[in-house]
């Protein structure tokens, strides 16, 4: 019971610390001149001939498969740990 109370208090303290608003630190330029920003110059390249374009579509979905495996592994490991703790 004491361990659960300590874990609950720690979780609440962590949630409060992470959700507290924090003021952004920024230069106020008091006594100095603010920096100037120059305009952008864009140069367009020549259009690419679609007939010469030989690169295929990028392969996607690898991240989803990897994250799914990590999630399934975490669930399996958690199940094993809970069953061991309950039987001990």
PDB file of N, CA and C in Angstrom:
ATOM      1  N   UNK A   1       0.818  -1.183   0.000  1.00  0.00           N
ATOM      2  CA  UNK A   1       0.000   0.000   0.000  1.00  0.00           C
ATOM      3  C   UNK A   1       0.868   1.256   0.000  1.00  0.00           C
ATOM      4  N   UNK A   2       1.943   1.227   0.751  1.00  0.00           N
ATOM      5  CA  UNK A   2       2.832   2.386   0.827  1.00  0.00           C
ATOM      6  C   UNK A   2       3.512   2.625  -0.520  1.00  0.00           C
ATOM      7  N   UNK A   3       3.889   1.553  -1.207  1.00  0.00           N
ATOM      8  CA  UNK A   3       4.538   1.679  -2.509  1.00  0.00           C
ATOM      9  C   UNK A   3       3.589   2.316  -3.522  1.00  0.00           C
ATOM     10  N   UNK A   4       2.335   1.920  -3.479  1.00  0.00           N
ATOM     11  CA  UNK A   4       1.347   2.488  -4.402  1.00  0.00           C
ATOM     12  C   UNK A   4       1.147   3.977  -4.120  1.00  0.00           C
ATOM     13  N   UNK A   5       1.129   4.357  -2.844  1.00  0.00           N
ATOM     14  CA  UNK A   5       0.979   5.764  -2.473  1.00  0.00           C
ATOM     15  C   UNK A   5       2.161   6.590  -2.974  1.00  0.00           C
ATOM     16  N   UNK A   6       3.366   6.058  -2.804  1.00  0.00           N
ATOM     17  CA  UNK A   6       4.569   6.764  -3.269  1.00  0.00           C
ATOM     18  C   UNK A   6       4.554   6.902  -4.788  1.00  0.00           C
ATOM     19  N   UNK A   7       4.139   5.840  -5.482  1.00  0.00           N
ATOM     20  CA  UNK A   7       4.078   5.892  -6.949  1.00  0.00           C
ATOM     21  C   UNK A   7       3.040   6.906  -7.410  1.00  0.00           C
ATOM     22  N   UNK A   8       1.902   6.972  -6.734  1.00  0.00           N
ATOM     23  CA  UNK A   8       0.860   7.928  -7.100  1.00  0.00           C
ATOM     24  C   UNK A   8       1.321   9.358  -6.867  1.00  0.00           C
ATOM     25  N   UNK A   9       1.951   9.603  -5.743  1.00  0.00           N
ATOM     26  CA  UNK A   9       2.459  10.951  -5.451  1.00  0.00           C
ATOM     27  C   UNK A   9       3.536  11.344  -6.460  1.00  0.00           C
ATOM     28  N   UNK A  10       4.416  10.418  -6.807  1.00  0.00           N
ATOM     29  CA  UNK A  10       5.464  10.709  -7.787  1.00  0.00           C
ATOM     30  C   UNK A  10       4.862  11.005  -9.159  1.00  0.00           C
ATOM     31  N   UNK A  11       3.852  10.252  -9.554  1.00  0.00           N
ATOM     32  CA  UNK A  11       3.200  10.477 -10.845  1.00  0.00           C
ATOM     33  C   UNK A  11       2.506  11.832 -10.873  1.00  0.00           C
ATOM     34  N   UNK A  12       1.829  12.189  -9.784  1.00  0.00           N
ATOM     35  CA  UNK A  12       1.169  13.492  -9.723  1.00  0.00           C
ATOM     36  C   UNK A  12       2.183  14.632  -9.736  1.00  0.00           C
ATOM     37  N   UNK A  13       3.298  14.461  -9.042  1.00  0.00           N
ATOM     38  CA  UNK A  13       4.344  15.493  -9.039  1.00  0.00           C
ATOM     39  C   UNK A  13       4.949  15.660 -10.429  1.00  0.00           C
ATOM     40  N   UNK A  14       5.175  14.542 -11.126  1.00  0.00           N
ATOM     41  CA  UNK A  14       5.731  14.615 -12.481  1.00  0.00           C
ATOM     42  C   UNK A  14       4.742  15.285 -13.432  1.00  0.00           C
ATOM     43  N   UNK A  15       3.463  14.948 -13.308  1.00  0.00           N
ATOM     44  CA  UNK A  15       2.454  15.563 -14.167  1.00  0.00           C
ATOM     45  C   UNK A  15       2.355  17.061 -13.907  1.00  0.00           C
ATOM     46  N   UNK A  16       2.422  17.455 -12.643  1.00  0.00           N
ATOM     47  CA  UNK A  16       2.357  18.879 -12.314  1.00  0.00           C
ATOM     48  C   UNK A  16       3.586  19.619 -12.831  1.00  0.00           C
ATOM     49  N   UNK A  17       4.743  19.009 -12.732  1.00  0.00           N
ATOM     50  CA  UNK A  17       5.973  19.661 -13.193  1.00  0.00           C
ATOM     51  C   UNK A  17       5.985  19.806 -14.710  1.00  0.00           C
ATOM     52  N   UNK A  18       5.465  18.812 -15.417  1.00  0.00           N
ATOM     53  CA  UNK A  18       5.479  18.868 -16.879  1.00  0.00           C
ATOM     54  C   UNK A  18       4.370  19.745 -17.448  1.00  0.00           C
ATOM     55  N   UNK A  19       3.309  19.960 -16.684  1.00  0.00           N
ATOM     56  CA  UNK A  19       2.204  20.753 -17.209  1.00  0.00           C
ATOM     57  C   UNK A  19       2.260  22.212 -16.772  1.00  0.00           C
ATOM     58  N   UNK A  20       3.222  22.581 -15.947  1.00  0.00           N
ATOM     59  CA  UNK A  20       3.333  23.961 -15.480  1.00  0.00           C
ATOM     60  C   UNK A  20       3.760  24.866 -16.640  1.00  0.00           C
ATOM     61  N   UNK A  21       3.094  26.010 -16.801  1.00  0.00           N
ATOM     62  CA  UNK A  21       3.493  26.918 -17.878  1.00  0.00           C
ATOM     63  C   UNK A  21       4.852  27.547 -17.579  1.00  0.00           C
ATOM     64  N   UNK A  22       5.639  27.686 -18.609  1.00  0.00           N
ATOM     65  CA  UNK A  22       6.975  28.248 -18.467  1.00  0.00           C
ATOM     66  C   UNK A  22       7.084  29.442 -19.408  1.00  0.00           C
ATOM     67  N   UNK A  23       7.580  30.553 -18.906  1.00  0.00           N
ATOM     68  CA  UNK A  23       7.741  31.750 -19.726  1.00  0.00           C
ATOM     69  C   UNK A  23       8.900  31.548 -20.690  1.00  0.00           C
ATOM     70  N   UNK A  24       8.709  31.985 -21.907  1.00  0.00           N
ATOM     71  CA  UNK A  24       9.757  31.881 -22.908  1.00  0.00           C
ATOM     72  C   UNK A  24      10.823  32.928 -22.653  1.00  0.00           C
ATOM     73  N   UNK A  25      12.060  32.538 -22.831  1.00  0.00           N
ATOM     74  CA  UNK A  25      13.163  33.468 -22.653  1.00  0.00           C
ATOM     75  C   UNK A  25      13.478  34.080 -24.012  1.00  0.00           C
ATOM     76  N   UNK A  26      13.396  35.397 -24.094  1.00  0.00           N
ATOM     77  CA  UNK A  26      13.643  36.065 -25.363  1.00  0.00           C
ATOM     78  C   UNK A  26      14.418  37.352 -25.111  1.00  0.00           C
ATOM     79  N   UNK A  27      15.215  37.730 -26.098  1.00  0.00           N
ATOM     80  CA  UNK A  27      15.923  39.000 -26.001  1.00  0.00           C
ATOM     81  C   UNK A  27      14.923  40.134 -26.214  1.00  0.00           C
ATOM     82  N   UNK A  28      15.045  41.166 -25.423  1.00  0.00           N
ATOM     83  CA  UNK A  28      14.123  42.283 -25.568  1.00  0.00           C
ATOM     84  C   UNK A  28      14.737  43.442 -26.349  1.00  0.00           C
ATOM     85  N   UNK A  29      16.004  43.369 -26.696  1.00  0.00           N
ATOM     86  CA  UNK A  29      16.702  44.357 -27.513  1.00  0.00           C
ATOM     87  C   UNK A  29      16.611  45.757 -26.920  1.00  0.00           C
ATOM     88  N   UNK A  30      16.677  45.876 -25.616  1.00  0.00           N
ATOM     89  CA  UNK A  30      16.660  47.195 -24.989  1.00  0.00           C
ATOM     90  C   UNK A  30      18.027  47.839 -25.191  1.00  0.00           C
ATOM     91  N   UNK A  31      18.036  49.001 -25.784  1.00  0.00           N
ATOM     92  CA  UNK A  31      19.271  49.740 -25.981  1.00  0.00           C
ATOM     93  C   UNK A  31      20.052  49.316 -27.216  1.00  0.00           C
ATOM     94  N   UNK A  32      19.593  48.326 -27.946  1.00  0.00           N
ATOM     95  CA  UNK A  32      20.278  47.902 -29.173  1.00  0.00           C
ATOM     96  C   UNK A  32      19.272  47.883 -30.305  1.00  0.00           C
ATOM     97  N   UNK A  33      19.780  47.827 -31.496  1.00  0.00           N
ATOM     98  CA  UNK A  33      18.876  47.769 -32.646  1.00  0.00           C
ATOM     99  C   UNK A  33      18.538  46.311 -32.942  1.00  0.00           C
ATOM    100  N   UNK A  34      17.289  46.039 -33.266  1.00  0.00           N
ATOM    101  CA  UNK A  34      16.911  44.667 -33.563  1.00  0.00           C
ATOM    102  C   UNK A  34      17.542  44.207 -34.879  1.00  0.00           C
ATOM    103  N   UNK A  35      17.724  42.932 -35.052  1.00  0.00           N
ATOM    104  CA  UNK A  35      18.315  42.437 -36.294  1.00  0.00           C
ATOM    105  C   UNK A  35      17.378  42.678 -37.475  1.00  0.00           C
ATOM    106  N   UNK A  36      17.965  42.840 -38.639  1.00  0.00           N
ATOM    107  CA  UNK A  36      17.165  43.031 -39.848  1.00  0.00           C
ATOM    108  C   UNK A  36      17.145  41.740 -40.648  1.00  0.00           C
ATOM    109  N   UNK A  37      16.072  41.543 -41.352  1.00  0.00           N
ATOM    110  CA  UNK A  37      15.891  40.330 -42.152  1.00  0.00           C
ATOM    111  C   UNK A  37      15.826  40.745 -43.607  1.00  0.00           C
ATOM    112  N   UNK A  38      16.650  40.129 -44.420  1.00  0.00           N
ATOM    113  CA  UNK A  38      16.650  40.432 -45.847  1.00  0.00           C
ATOM    114  C   UNK A  38      15.604  39.566 -46.548  1.00  0.00           C
ATOM    115  N   UNK A  39      15.112  40.052 -47.658  1.00  0.00           N
ATOM    116  CA  UNK A  39      14.134  39.292 -48.431  1.00  0.00           C
ATOM    117  C   UNK A  39      14.756  38.072 -49.083  1.00  0.00           C
ATOM    118  N   UNK A  40      13.922  37.108 -49.410  1.00  0.00           N
ATOM    119  CA  UNK A  40      14.411  35.888 -50.053  1.00  0.00           C
ATOM    120  C   UNK A  40      14.448  36.054 -51.558  1.00  0.00           C
ATOM    121  N   UNK A  41      15.425  35.436 -52.179  1.00  0.00           N
ATOM    122  CA  UNK A  41      15.513  35.413 -53.633  1.00  0.00           C
ATOM    123  C   UNK A  41      15.395  33.956 -54.074  1.00  0.00           C
ATOM    124  N   UNK A  42      14.379  33.668 -54.844  1.00  0.00           N
ATOM    125  CA  UNK A  42      14.117  32.294 -55.275  1.00  0.00           C
ATOM    126  C   UNK A  42      14.470  32.151 -56.738  1.00  0.00           C
ATOM    127  N   UNK A  43      15.266  31.146 -57.057  1.00  0.00           N
ATOM    128  CA  UNK A  43      15.596  30.849 -58.441  1.00  0.00           C
ATOM    129  C   UNK A  43      14.952  29.515 -58.801  1.00  0.00           C
ATOM    130  N   UNK A  44      14.187  29.519 -59.845  1.00  0.00           N
ATOM    131  CA  UNK A  44      13.520  28.291 -60.264  1.00  0.00           C
ATOM    132  C   UNK A  44      14.417  27.532 -61.234  1.00  0.00           C
ATOM    133  N   UNK A  45      14.486  26.228 -61.022  1.00  0.00           N
ATOM    134  CA  UNK A  45      15.284  25.407 -61.921  1.00  0.00           C
ATOM    135  C   UNK A  45      14.444  25.016 -63.131  1.00  0.00           C
ATOM    136  N   UNK A  46      15.121  24.516 -64.128  1.00  0.00           N
ATOM    137  CA  UNK A  46      14.431  24.090 -65.343  1.00  0.00           C
ATOM    138  C   UNK A  46      13.541  22.896 -65.024  1.00  0.00           C
ATOM    139  N   UNK A  47      12.364  22.795 -65.648  1.00  0.00           N
ATOM    140  CA  UNK A  47      11.480  21.659 -65.377  1.00  0.00           C
ATOM    141  C   UNK A  47      12.122  20.336 -65.817  1.00  0.00           C
ATOM    142  N   UNK A  48      11.833  19.290 -65.058  1.00  0.00           N
ATOM    143  CA  UNK A  48      12.394  17.977 -65.340  1.00  0.00           C
ATOM    144  C   UNK A  48      11.483  17.246 -66.305  1.00  0.00           C
ATOM    145  N   UNK A  49      12.082  16.624 -67.291  1.00  0.00           N
ATOM    146  CA  UNK A  49      11.322  15.842 -68.263  1.00  0.00           C
ATOM    147  C   UNK A  49      10.798  14.579 -67.579  1.00  0.00           C
ATOM    148  N   UNK A  50       9.470  14.360 -67.537  1.00  0.00           N
ATOM    149  CA  UNK A  50       8.929  13.188 -66.839  1.00  0.00           C
ATOM    150  C   UNK A  50       9.381  11.862 -67.446  1.00  0.00           C
ATOM    151  N   UNK A  51       9.768  11.846 -68.709  1.00  0.00           N
ATOM    152  CA  UNK A  51      10.219  10.617 -69.349  1.00  0.00           C
ATOM    153  C   UNK A  51      11.570  10.154 -68.822  1.00  0.00           C
ATOM    154  N   UNK A  52      12.391  11.059 -68.356  1.00  0.00           N
ATOM    155  CA  UNK A  52      13.718  10.707 -67.850  1.00  0.00           C
ATOM    156  C   UNK A  52      13.719  10.413 -66.362  1.00  0.00           C
ATOM    157  N   UNK A  53      12.619  10.605 -65.709  1.00  0.00           N
ATOM    158  CA  UNK A  53      12.529  10.406 -64.257  1.00  0.00           C
ATOM    159  C   UNK A  53      12.448   8.901 -63.977  1.00  0.00           C
ATOM    160  N   UNK A  54      13.539   8.323 -63.456  1.00  0.00           N
ATOM    161  CA  UNK A  54      13.594   6.871 -63.275  1.00  0.00           C
ATOM    162  C   UNK A  54      13.430   6.446 -61.817  1.00  0.00           C
ATOM    163  N   UNK A  55      13.431   7.374 -60.879  1.00  0.00           N
ATOM    164  CA  UNK A  55      13.313   7.025 -59.468  1.00  0.00           C
ATOM    165  C   UNK A  55      11.849   6.732 -59.158  1.00  0.00           C
ATOM    166  N   UNK A  56      11.596   5.605 -58.465  1.00  0.00           N
ATOM    167  CA  UNK A  56      10.229   5.227 -58.127  1.00  0.00           C
ATOM    168  C   UNK A  56       9.735   5.939 -56.887  1.00  0.00           C
ATOM    169  N   UNK A  57       8.569   5.563 -56.449  1.00  0.00           N
ATOM    170  CA  UNK A  57       8.002   6.150 -55.242  1.00  0.00           C
ATOM    171  C   UNK A  57       8.793   5.705 -54.018  1.00  0.00           C
ATOM    172  N   UNK A  58       8.863   6.528 -53.011  1.00  0.00           N
ATOM    173  CA  UNK A  58       9.574   6.127 -51.805  1.00  0.00           C
ATOM    174  C   UNK A  58       8.819   5.003 -51.092  1.00  0.00           C
ATOM    175  N   UNK A  59       9.568   4.139 -50.437  1.00  0.00           N
ATOM    176  CA  UNK A  59       8.976   3.042 -49.699  1.00  0.00           C
ATOM    177  C   UNK A  59       8.509   3.583 -48.351  1.00  0.00           C
ATOM    178  N   UNK A  60       7.235   3.411 -48.061  1.00  0.00           N
ATOM    179  CA  UNK A  60       6.686   3.895 -46.801  1.00  0.00           C
ATOM    180  C   UNK A  60       6.074   2.730 -46.031  1.00  0.00           C
ATOM    181  N   UNK A  61       5.763   2.942 -44.791  1.00  0.00           N
ATOM    182  CA  UNK A  61       5.135   1.905 -43.988  1.00  0.00           C
ATOM    183  C   UNK A  61       6.108   1.166 -43.101  1.00  0.00           C
ATOM    184  N   UNK A  62       7.402   1.357 -43.278  1.00  0.00           N
ATOM    185  CA  UNK A  62       8.386   0.673 -42.448  1.00  0.00           C
ATOM    186  C   UNK A  62       8.318   1.117 -41.002  1.00  0.00           C
ATOM    187  N   UNK A  63       8.079   2.398 -40.793  1.00  0.00           N
ATOM    188  CA  UNK A  63       7.981   2.912 -39.425  1.00  0.00           C
ATOM    189  C   UNK A  63       6.776   2.319 -38.700  1.00  0.00           C
ATOM    190  N   UNK A  64       5.681   2.176 -39.407  1.00  0.00           N
ATOM    191  CA  UNK A  64       4.474   1.639 -38.786  1.00  0.00           C
ATOM    192  C   UNK A  64       4.692   0.192 -38.368  1.00  0.00           C
ATOM    193  N   UNK A  65       5.327  -0.585 -39.233  1.00  0.00           N
ATOM    194  CA  UNK A  65       5.585  -1.989 -38.904  1.00  0.00           C
ATOM    195  C   UNK A  65       6.523  -2.105 -37.705  1.00  0.00           C
ATOM    196  N   UNK A  66       7.572  -1.302 -37.680  1.00  0.00           N
ATOM    197  CA  UNK A  66       8.519  -1.357 -36.562  1.00  0.00           C
ATOM    198  C   UNK A  66       7.862  -0.936 -35.249  1.00  0.00           C
ATOM    199  N   UNK A  67       7.082   0.135 -35.283  1.00  0.00           N
ATOM    200  CA  UNK A  67       6.411   0.589 -34.063  1.00  0.00           C
ATOM    201  C   UNK A  67       5.365  -0.410 -33.591  1.00  0.00           C
ATOM    202  N   UNK A  68       4.717  -1.095 -34.525  1.00  0.00           N
ATOM    203  CA  UNK A  68       3.762  -2.133 -34.145  1.00  0.00           C
ATOM    204  C   UNK A  68       4.468  -3.271 -33.441  1.00  0.00           C
ATOM    205  N   UNK A  69       5.619  -3.680 -33.961  1.00  0.00           N
ATOM    206  CA  UNK A  69       6.377  -4.748 -33.311  1.00  0.00           C
ATOM    207  C   UNK A  69       6.865  -4.327 -31.924  1.00  0.00           C
ATOM    208  N   UNK A  70       7.309  -3.092 -31.784  1.00  0.00           N
ATOM    209  CA  UNK A  70       7.748  -2.607 -30.479  1.00  0.00           C
ATOM    210  C   UNK A  70       6.570  -2.592 -29.504  1.00  0.00           C
ATOM    211  N   UNK A  71       5.398  -2.166 -29.967  1.00  0.00           N
ATOM    212  CA  UNK A  71       4.212  -2.143 -29.119  1.00  0.00           C
ATOM    213  C   UNK A  71       3.779  -3.531 -28.681  1.00  0.00           C
ATOM    214  N   UNK A  72       3.779  -4.468 -29.612  1.00  0.00           N
ATOM    215  CA  UNK A  72       3.409  -5.847 -29.277  1.00  0.00           C
ATOM    216  C   UNK A  72       4.423  -6.440 -28.302  1.00  0.00           C
ATOM    217  N   UNK A  73       5.689  -6.152 -28.511  1.00  0.00           N
ATOM    218  CA  UNK A  73       6.716  -6.639 -27.598  1.00  0.00           C
ATOM    219  C   UNK A  73       6.555  -6.048 -26.200  1.00  0.00           C
ATOM    220  N   UNK A  74       6.222  -4.756 -26.124  1.00  0.00           N
ATOM    221  CA  UNK A  74       6.027  -4.118 -24.822  1.00  0.00           C
ATOM    222  C   UNK A  74       4.816  -4.704 -24.106  1.00  0.00           C
ATOM    223  N   UNK A  75       3.749  -4.963 -24.833  1.00  0.00           N
ATOM    224  CA  UNK A  75       2.563  -5.571 -24.222  1.00  0.00           C
ATOM    225  C   UNK A  75       2.887  -6.979 -23.731  1.00  0.00           C
ATOM    226  N   UNK A  76       3.601  -7.747 -24.549  1.00  0.00           N
ATOM    227  CA  UNK A  76       3.980  -9.098 -24.139  1.00  0.00           C
ATOM    228  C   UNK A  76       4.879  -9.092 -22.910  1.00  0.00           C
ATOM    229  N   UNK A  77       5.869  -8.225 -22.892  1.00  0.00           N
ATOM    230  CA  UNK A  77       6.769  -8.129 -21.745  1.00  0.00           C
ATOM    231  C   UNK A  77       6.013  -7.697 -20.488  1.00  0.00           C
ATOM    232  N   UNK A  78       5.110  -6.748 -20.633  1.00  0.00           N
ATOM    233  CA  UNK A  78       4.311  -6.315 -19.498  1.00  0.00           C
ATOM    234  C   UNK A  78       3.434  -7.430 -18.963  1.00  0.00           C
ATOM    235  N   UNK A  79       2.859  -8.211 -19.861  1.00  0.00           N
ATOM    236  CA  UNK A  79       2.034  -9.348 -19.436  1.00  0.00           C
ATOM    237  C   UNK A  79       2.855 -10.364 -18.666  1.00  0.00           C
ATOM    238  N   UNK A  80       4.041 -10.663 -19.156  1.00  0.00           N
ATOM    239  CA  UNK A  80       4.921 -11.619 -18.477  1.00  0.00           C
ATOM    240  C   UNK A  80       5.307 -11.104 -17.094  1.00  0.00           C
ATOM    241  N   UNK A  81       5.668  -9.827 -17.003  1.00  0.00           N
ATOM    242  CA  UNK A  81       6.070  -9.267 -15.710  1.00  0.00           C
ATOM    243  C   UNK A  81       4.924  -9.254 -14.707  1.00  0.00           C
ATOM    244  N   UNK A  82       3.712  -8.949 -15.171  1.00  0.00           N
ATOM    245  CA  UNK A  82       2.565  -8.927 -14.265  1.00  0.00           C
ATOM    246  C   UNK A  82       2.256 -10.331 -13.771  1.00  0.00           C
ATOM    247  N   UNK A  83       2.306 -11.317 -14.648  1.00  0.00           N
ATOM    248  CA  UNK A  83       2.008 -12.700 -14.237  1.00  0.00           C
ATOM    249  C   UNK A  83       3.071 -13.214 -13.269  1.00  0.00           C
ATOM    250  N   UNK A  84       4.322 -12.865 -13.486  1.00  0.00           N
ATOM    251  CA  UNK A  84       5.370 -13.292 -12.557  1.00  0.00           C
ATOM    252  C   UNK A  84       5.192 -12.659 -11.181  1.00  0.00           C
ATOM    253  N   UNK A  85       4.823 -11.378 -11.164  1.00  0.00           N
ATOM    254  CA  UNK A  85       4.657 -10.684  -9.891  1.00  0.00           C
ATOM    255  C   UNK A  85       3.467 -11.253  -9.115  1.00  0.00           C
ATOM    256  N   UNK A  86       2.381 -11.569  -9.807  1.00  0.00           N
ATOM    257  CA  UNK A  86       1.195 -12.095  -9.143  1.00  0.00           C
ATOM    258  C   UNK A  86       1.420 -13.506  -8.609  1.00  0.00           C
ATOM    259  N   UNK A  87       2.244 -14.288  -9.320  1.00  0.00           N
ATOM    260  CA  UNK A  87       2.469 -15.661  -8.871  1.00  0.00           C
ATOM    261  C   UNK A  87       3.521 -15.723  -7.763  1.00  0.00           C
ATOM    262  N   UNK A  88       4.337 -14.706  -7.641  1.00  0.00           N
ATOM    263  CA  UNK A  88       5.403 -14.731  -6.607  1.00  0.00           C
ATOM    264  C   UNK A  88       4.897 -14.389  -5.245  1.00  0.00           C
TER     265      UNK A  88
END
